[in-house]
Amino acid sequence: MAVQKRRRPKIKFELSRSSIGGIAIVCFCIFLWMFLIGVWAGQSLLRPSQPVSAGFDAGSVKNEQPVEHLEAEKKIKP
């Protein structure tokens, strides 16, 4: 005789609309909390620990070079 296969019982979830809404609200709160933690961590990682300075005062630059603008007629073509 042939051996009968043993059938597994099917798992069935039944949820009401209010329970689906409750799960959606909980998931939204978790994702919002994770977003806020990510923004906080990003801000604290990107902030420098010491203020950055250029090493000179704004009035101490004396030898400024003029800015040269190239125009279409002055371009040299090879």
N, C-alpha and C. Protein backbone atom coordinates (compact mmCIF):
# COMPACT_ATOMS: atom_id res chain seq x y z
N MET A 1 0.83 -1.18 0.00
CA MET A 1 0.00 0.00 0.00
C MET A 1 0.87 1.24 0.00
N ALA A 2 0.31 2.27 -0.58
CA ALA A 2 1.00 3.54 -0.64
C ALA A 2 0.89 4.26 0.70
N VAL A 3 1.98 4.91 1.07
CA VAL A 3 2.00 5.65 2.33
C VAL A 3 1.39 7.02 2.08
N GLN A 4 0.45 7.38 2.91
CA GLN A 4 -0.20 8.68 2.75
C GLN A 4 0.71 9.77 3.31
N LYS A 5 0.76 10.88 2.58
CA LYS A 5 1.55 12.02 3.05
C LYS A 5 0.81 12.70 4.19
N ARG A 6 1.58 13.10 5.15
CA ARG A 6 1.00 13.78 6.30
C ARG A 6 0.82 15.26 5.95
N ARG A 7 -0.37 15.76 6.01
CA ARG A 7 -0.67 17.14 5.65
C ARG A 7 -0.45 18.04 6.86
N ARG A 8 0.22 19.15 6.58
CA ARG A 8 0.42 20.14 7.65
C ARG A 8 -0.83 21.01 7.76
N PRO A 9 -1.17 21.38 8.97
CA PRO A 9 -2.34 22.26 9.10
C PRO A 9 -2.01 23.66 8.56
N LYS A 10 -2.93 24.27 7.85
CA LYS A 10 -2.72 25.61 7.29
C LYS A 10 -2.87 26.64 8.41
N ILE A 11 -1.97 27.59 8.39
CA ILE A 11 -2.01 28.66 9.39
C ILE A 11 -2.87 29.78 8.82
N LYS A 12 -3.76 30.26 9.62
CA LYS A 12 -4.69 31.29 9.14
C LYS A 12 -4.75 32.41 10.16
N PHE A 13 -4.51 33.66 9.67
CA PHE A 13 -4.61 34.83 10.54
C PHE A 13 -5.88 35.58 10.19
N GLU A 14 -6.59 35.93 11.19
CA GLU A 14 -7.80 36.73 10.98
C GLU A 14 -7.67 37.99 11.83
N LEU A 15 -7.70 39.13 11.15
CA LEU A 15 -7.57 40.41 11.83
C LEU A 15 -8.75 41.29 11.46
N SER A 16 -9.21 42.04 12.44
CA SER A 16 -10.28 42.99 12.16
C SER A 16 -9.67 44.28 11.61
N ARG A 17 -10.50 45.15 11.13
CA ARG A 17 -10.00 46.42 10.58
C ARG A 17 -9.34 47.27 11.65
N SER A 18 -9.88 47.24 12.84
CA SER A 18 -9.28 48.04 13.92
C SER A 18 -7.91 47.50 14.32
N SER A 19 -7.72 46.19 14.28
CA SER A 19 -6.39 45.65 14.61
C SER A 19 -5.39 45.96 13.50
N ILE A 20 -5.82 45.95 12.26
CA ILE A 20 -4.93 46.35 11.15
C ILE A 20 -4.55 47.82 11.29
N GLY A 21 -5.51 48.66 11.66
CA GLY A 21 -5.22 50.07 11.89
C GLY A 21 -4.27 50.27 13.06
N GLY A 22 -4.43 49.49 14.12
CA GLY A 22 -3.52 49.58 15.26
C GLY A 22 -2.11 49.17 14.90
N ILE A 23 -1.97 48.13 14.11
CA ILE A 23 -0.64 47.70 13.65
C ILE A 23 -0.02 48.78 12.77
N ALA A 24 -0.82 49.40 11.91
CA ALA A 24 -0.30 50.47 11.05
C ALA A 24 0.17 51.66 11.87
N ILE A 25 -0.55 52.02 12.91
CA ILE A 25 -0.16 53.15 13.77
C ILE A 25 1.14 52.83 14.51
N VAL A 26 1.25 51.61 15.02
CA VAL A 26 2.47 51.20 15.72
C VAL A 26 3.66 51.23 14.77
N CYS A 27 3.49 50.72 13.55
CA CYS A 27 4.59 50.74 12.56
C CYS A 27 4.97 52.18 12.21
N PHE A 28 3.99 53.06 12.05
CA PHE A 28 4.28 54.46 11.75
C PHE A 28 5.09 55.10 12.87
N CYS A 29 4.71 54.83 14.12
CA CYS A 29 5.44 55.39 15.26
C CYS A 29 6.88 54.86 15.31
N ILE A 30 7.06 53.58 15.01
CA ILE A 30 8.41 53.01 15.02
C ILE A 30 9.25 53.66 13.93
N PHE A 31 8.70 53.80 12.72
CA PHE A 31 9.46 54.41 11.62
C PHE A 31 9.76 55.89 11.91
N LEU A 32 8.82 56.61 12.52
CA LEU A 32 9.05 58.01 12.88
C LEU A 32 10.16 58.11 13.92
N TRP A 33 10.15 57.22 14.91
CA TRP A 33 11.17 57.22 15.94
C TRP A 33 12.54 56.93 15.33
N MET A 34 12.62 55.97 14.44
CA MET A 34 13.90 55.64 13.79
C MET A 34 14.39 56.80 12.93
N PHE A 35 13.47 57.50 12.25
CA PHE A 35 13.85 58.67 11.45
C PHE A 35 14.43 59.76 12.34
N LEU A 36 13.79 60.03 13.46
CA LEU A 36 14.27 61.07 14.37
C LEU A 36 15.63 60.70 14.96
N ILE A 37 15.82 59.43 15.30
CA ILE A 37 17.12 59.00 15.81
C ILE A 37 18.18 59.14 14.72
N GLY A 38 17.83 58.83 13.48
CA GLY A 38 18.78 58.97 12.37
C GLY A 38 19.16 60.42 12.13
N VAL A 39 18.21 61.32 12.20
CA VAL A 39 18.51 62.75 12.03
C VAL A 39 19.40 63.24 13.16
N TRP A 40 19.10 62.84 14.38
CA TRP A 40 19.91 63.24 15.53
C TRP A 40 21.33 62.71 15.41
N ALA A 41 21.47 61.45 15.02
CA ALA A 41 22.81 60.86 14.88
C ALA A 41 23.58 61.54 13.74
N GLY A 42 22.89 61.84 12.64
CA GLY A 42 23.55 62.51 11.52
C GLY A 42 24.02 63.90 11.89
N GLN A 43 23.22 64.62 12.65
CA GLN A 43 23.61 65.96 13.07
C GLN A 43 24.80 65.91 14.01
N SER A 44 24.82 64.96 14.92
CA SER A 44 25.93 64.90 15.86
C SER A 44 27.20 64.38 15.19
N LEU A 45 27.10 63.55 14.16
CA LEU A 45 28.28 63.06 13.46
C LEU A 45 28.88 64.11 12.53
N LEU A 46 28.03 64.93 11.93
CA LEU A 46 28.51 65.91 10.96
C LEU A 46 29.00 67.20 11.61
N ARG A 47 28.64 67.45 12.86
CA ARG A 47 29.06 68.67 13.53
C ARG A 47 30.53 68.56 13.94
N PRO A 48 31.36 69.54 13.56
CA PRO A 48 32.77 69.45 13.96
C PRO A 48 32.93 69.64 15.46
N SER A 49 33.92 68.99 16.04
CA SER A 49 34.11 69.08 17.48
C SER A 49 34.70 70.43 17.88
N GLN A 50 35.53 71.04 17.01
CA GLN A 50 36.11 72.34 17.29
C GLN A 50 35.76 73.29 16.14
N PRO A 51 35.62 74.57 16.43
CA PRO A 51 35.30 75.50 15.36
C PRO A 51 36.44 75.57 14.33
N VAL A 52 36.07 75.64 13.08
CA VAL A 52 37.05 75.68 12.00
C VAL A 52 37.39 77.13 11.70
N SER A 53 38.69 77.46 11.64
CA SER A 53 39.10 78.82 11.31
C SER A 53 40.06 78.76 10.13
N ALA A 54 40.11 79.83 9.37
CA ALA A 54 40.97 79.88 8.20
C ALA A 54 42.42 80.18 8.57
N GLY A 55 42.68 80.69 9.75
CA GLY A 55 44.04 80.96 10.17
C GLY A 55 44.50 82.38 9.90
N PHE A 56 43.62 83.22 9.38
CA PHE A 56 43.99 84.62 9.16
C PHE A 56 42.76 85.49 9.38
N ASP A 57 43.01 86.76 9.64
CA ASP A 57 41.92 87.71 9.80
C ASP A 57 41.43 88.16 8.43
N ALA A 58 40.21 88.62 8.38
CA ALA A 58 39.63 89.02 7.10
C ALA A 58 40.34 90.24 6.52
N GLY A 59 40.89 91.12 7.34
CA GLY A 59 41.55 92.32 6.84
C GLY A 59 43.03 92.12 6.57
N SER A 60 43.58 90.95 6.77
CA SER A 60 45.02 90.76 6.63
C SER A 60 45.45 90.36 5.22
N VAL A 61 44.54 90.11 4.31
CA VAL A 61 44.90 89.74 2.94
C VAL A 61 45.27 91.01 2.18
N LYS A 62 46.53 91.08 1.66
CA LYS A 62 46.99 92.32 1.03
C LYS A 62 47.29 92.16 -0.45
N ASN A 63 47.81 91.05 -0.86
CA ASN A 63 48.19 90.87 -2.25
C ASN A 63 47.10 90.12 -3.01
N GLU A 64 46.04 90.80 -3.28
CA GLU A 64 44.94 90.17 -4.01
C GLU A 64 45.21 90.25 -5.50
N GLN A 65 44.98 89.17 -6.20
CA GLN A 65 45.15 89.13 -7.65
C GLN A 65 43.80 89.42 -8.30
N PRO A 66 43.80 90.22 -9.37
CA PRO A 66 42.52 90.49 -10.03
C PRO A 66 42.01 89.23 -10.75
N VAL A 67 40.72 89.13 -10.86
CA VAL A 67 40.09 87.99 -11.54
C VAL A 67 40.06 88.28 -13.03
N GLU A 68 40.57 87.35 -13.83
CA GLU A 68 40.58 87.53 -15.28
C GLU A 68 39.44 86.73 -15.88
N HIS A 69 38.68 87.38 -16.74
CA HIS A 69 37.56 86.73 -17.42
C HIS A 69 37.95 86.51 -18.87
N LEU A 70 37.73 85.32 -19.37
CA LEU A 70 38.00 85.02 -20.76
C LEU A 70 36.75 85.28 -21.58
N GLU A 71 36.93 85.90 -22.69
CA GLU A 71 35.82 86.15 -23.59
C GLU A 71 35.98 85.26 -24.82
N ALA A 72 34.94 85.15 -25.60
CA ALA A 72 34.95 84.23 -26.74
C ALA A 72 36.01 84.62 -27.77
N GLU A 73 36.26 85.91 -27.98
CA GLU A 73 37.21 86.34 -29.00
C GLU A 73 38.65 86.06 -28.56
N LYS A 74 38.92 86.03 -27.27
CA LYS A 74 40.27 85.90 -26.78
C LYS A 74 40.72 84.44 -26.64
N LYS A 75 39.84 83.48 -26.85
CA LYS A 75 40.22 82.08 -26.72
C LYS A 75 41.12 81.68 -27.88
N ILE A 76 42.15 80.93 -27.57
CA ILE A 76 43.08 80.46 -28.60
C ILE A 76 42.66 79.06 -29.00
N LYS A 77 42.43 78.88 -30.31
CA LYS A 77 42.02 77.59 -30.82
C LYS A 77 43.25 76.88 -31.38
N PRO A 78 43.46 75.62 -31.10
CA PRO A 78 44.63 74.91 -31.61
C PRO A 78 44.55 74.61 -33.10
